[in-house]
Amino acid sequence: MASTYSVVVDPDVGLDGIEFDDLGVEQRLSPSHVLVRSDLTQSELYHDVKWRLPADTALFVGRLADTPKMKGQRPGSVRWSREHVAAGE
């Protein structure tokens, strides 16, 4: 069953050069923050993203249980999160 995760890295490193297509459906919120809808577990996603980043890069991966509140993110982010994040899915 797919879950949606918030993935955040050090802004100095960013995620713009990192591909997520093979991990699931993604929505980039900012250069260092992406939402990923994936069949992977939180641990699997964390480790897969970690291996794509330079060593010692700060990384946060958290599962979303509900649609987050947000402002000032990339266009389409609120609509994407409403479509892909729902409690109980």
C-alpha atoms as a PDB file:
ATOM      1  CA  MET A   1       0.000   0.000   0.000  1.00  0.00           C
ATOM      2  CA  ALA A   2       1.434   3.362  -1.021  1.00  0.00           C
ATOM      3  CA  SER A   3       2.169   6.109   1.478  1.00  0.00           C
ATOM      4  CA  THR A   4       3.206   9.717   0.983  1.00  0.00           C
ATOM      5  CA  TYR A   5       6.439  10.926   2.556  1.00  0.00           C
ATOM      6  CA  SER A   6       8.015  14.302   3.125  1.00  0.00           C
ATOM      7  CA  VAL A   7      11.703  14.278   2.172  1.00  0.00           C
ATOM      8  CA  VAL A   8      13.870  17.223   3.249  1.00  0.00           C
ATOM      9  CA  VAL A   9      17.611  17.697   2.831  1.00  0.00           C
ATOM     10  CA  ASP A  10      20.172  20.356   3.656  1.00  0.00           C
ATOM     11  CA  PRO A  11      19.327  23.392   1.471  1.00  0.00           C
ATOM     12  CA  ASP A  12      23.009  23.740   0.565  1.00  0.00           C
ATOM     13  CA  VAL A  13      22.842  20.299  -1.094  1.00  0.00           C
ATOM     14  CA  GLY A  14      19.273  20.385  -2.460  1.00  0.00           C
ATOM     15  CA  LEU A  15      17.324  17.781  -4.383  1.00  0.00           C
ATOM     16  CA  ASP A  16      17.115  19.340  -7.842  1.00  0.00           C
ATOM     17  CA  GLY A  17      19.739  16.962  -9.240  1.00  0.00           C
ATOM     18  CA  ILE A  18      18.190  13.861  -7.632  1.00  0.00           C
ATOM     19  CA  GLU A  19      15.735  11.717  -9.615  1.00  0.00           C
ATOM     20  CA  PHE A  20      12.796  10.099  -7.797  1.00  0.00           C
ATOM     21  CA  ASP A  21      10.880   8.601 -10.733  1.00  0.00           C
ATOM     22  CA  ASP A  22      11.915   5.060  -9.808  1.00  0.00           C
ATOM     23  CA  LEU A  23      10.797   5.558  -6.182  1.00  0.00           C
ATOM     24  CA  GLY A  24       7.228   6.672  -6.825  1.00  0.00           C
ATOM     25  CA  VAL A  25       5.249   9.776  -7.738  1.00  0.00           C
ATOM     26  CA  GLU A  26       6.838  13.031  -6.646  1.00  0.00           C
ATOM     27  CA  GLN A  27       5.950  16.675  -6.082  1.00  0.00           C
ATOM     28  CA  ARG A  28       8.833  19.075  -5.511  1.00  0.00           C
ATOM     29  CA  LEU A  29       7.922  21.778  -3.023  1.00  0.00           C
ATOM     30  CA  SER A  30      11.246  23.606  -2.980  1.00  0.00           C
ATOM     31  CA  PRO A  31      14.857  22.887  -3.985  1.00  0.00           C
ATOM     32  CA  SER A  32      15.376  20.940  -0.737  1.00  0.00           C
ATOM     33  CA  HIS A  33      11.884  19.503  -0.056  1.00  0.00           C
ATOM     34  CA  VAL A  34       9.891  16.925  -2.016  1.00  0.00           C
ATOM     35  CA  LEU A  35       6.779  14.835  -1.374  1.00  0.00           C
ATOM     36  CA  VAL A  36       6.997  11.244  -2.625  1.00  0.00           C
ATOM     37  CA  ARG A  37       4.068   8.814  -2.993  1.00  0.00           C
ATOM     38  CA  SER A  38       5.661   5.365  -2.894  1.00  0.00           C
ATOM     39  CA  ASP A  39       5.090   1.681  -2.193  1.00  0.00           C
ATOM     40  CA  LEU A  40       8.419   1.653  -0.335  1.00  0.00           C
ATOM     41  CA  THR A  41       8.494   1.634   3.456  1.00  0.00           C
ATOM     42  CA  GLN A  42       9.761   4.743   5.213  1.00  0.00           C
ATOM     43  CA  SER A  43      13.055   2.992   5.956  1.00  0.00           C
ATOM     44  CA  GLU A  44      13.483   1.801   2.354  1.00  0.00           C
ATOM     45  CA  LEU A  45      12.802   5.292   0.987  1.00  0.00           C
ATOM     46  CA  TYR A  46      15.153   6.882   3.533  1.00  0.00           C
ATOM     47  CA  HIS A  47      18.031   4.583   2.610  1.00  0.00           C
ATOM     48  CA  ASP A  48      17.427   4.858  -1.138  1.00  0.00           C
ATOM     49  CA  VAL A  49      17.471   8.674  -0.952  1.00  0.00           C
ATOM     50  CA  LYS A  50      20.468   8.645   1.413  1.00  0.00           C
ATOM     51  CA  TRP A  51      22.532   6.638  -1.092  1.00  0.00           C
ATOM     52  CA  ARG A  52      21.801   9.254  -3.791  1.00  0.00           C
ATOM     53  CA  LEU A  53      23.127  12.138  -1.689  1.00  0.00           C
ATOM     54  CA  PRO A  54      26.665  13.192  -0.822  1.00  0.00           C
ATOM     55  CA  ALA A  55      27.921  11.583   2.409  1.00  0.00           C
ATOM     56  CA  ASP A  56      26.879  13.299   5.656  1.00  0.00           C
ATOM     57  CA  THR A  57      24.026  15.267   4.022  1.00  0.00           C
ATOM     58  CA  ALA A  58      21.279  16.099   6.532  1.00  0.00           C
ATOM     59  CA  LEU A  59      18.134  14.110   5.604  1.00  0.00           C
ATOM     60  CA  PHE A  60      14.578  13.909   6.960  1.00  0.00           C
ATOM     61  CA  VAL A  61      11.979  11.388   5.732  1.00  0.00           C
ATOM     62  CA  GLY A  62       8.565  11.363   7.406  1.00  0.00           C
ATOM     63  CA  ARG A  63       5.264   9.708   6.451  1.00  0.00           C
ATOM     64  CA  LEU A  64       2.327  12.082   6.054  1.00  0.00           C
ATOM     65  CA  ALA A  65      -0.944  11.032   7.664  1.00  0.00           C
ATOM     66  CA  ASP A  66      -2.962  13.967   6.340  1.00  0.00           C
ATOM     67  CA  THR A  67      -2.748  16.733   3.765  1.00  0.00           C
ATOM     68  CA  PRO A  68      -0.228  19.295   5.024  1.00  0.00           C
ATOM     69  CA  LYS A  69      -0.864  23.021   5.228  1.00  0.00           C
ATOM     70  CA  MET A  70       1.552  24.941   3.014  1.00  0.00           C
ATOM     71  CA  LYS A  71       2.170  28.308   1.435  1.00  0.00           C
ATOM     72  CA  GLY A  72       4.769  29.589  -1.011  1.00  0.00           C
ATOM     73  CA  GLN A  73       5.665  26.191  -2.473  1.00  0.00           C
ATOM     74  CA  ARG A  74       6.101  25.377  -6.148  1.00  0.00           C
ATOM     75  CA  PRO A  75       2.945  25.731  -8.299  1.00  0.00           C
ATOM     76  CA  GLY A  76       0.603  22.746  -8.103  1.00  0.00           C
ATOM     77  CA  SER A  77       1.916  21.542  -4.729  1.00  0.00           C
ATOM     78  CA  VAL A  78      -1.324  22.005  -2.787  1.00  0.00           C
ATOM     79  CA  ARG A  79      -3.397  20.307  -5.491  1.00  0.00           C
ATOM     80  CA  TRP A  80      -0.893  17.416  -5.735  1.00  0.00           C
ATOM     81  CA  SER A  81      -0.893  16.869  -1.967  1.00  0.00           C
ATOM     82  CA  ARG A  82      -4.698  16.856  -1.841  1.00  0.00           C
ATOM     83  CA  GLU A  83      -4.754  14.163  -4.530  1.00  0.00           C
ATOM     84  CA  HIS A  84      -1.997  11.972  -3.039  1.00  0.00           C
ATOM     85  CA  VAL A  85      -2.216  12.385   0.729  1.00  0.00           C
ATOM     86  CA  ALA A  86      -5.252  11.128   2.589  1.00  0.00           C
ATOM     87  CA  ALA A  87      -5.605   9.660   6.050  1.00  0.00           C
ATOM     88  CA  GLY A  88      -6.225   5.946   5.896  1.00  0.00           C
ATOM     89  CA  GLU A  89      -5.005   5.419   2.309  1.00  0.00           C
END
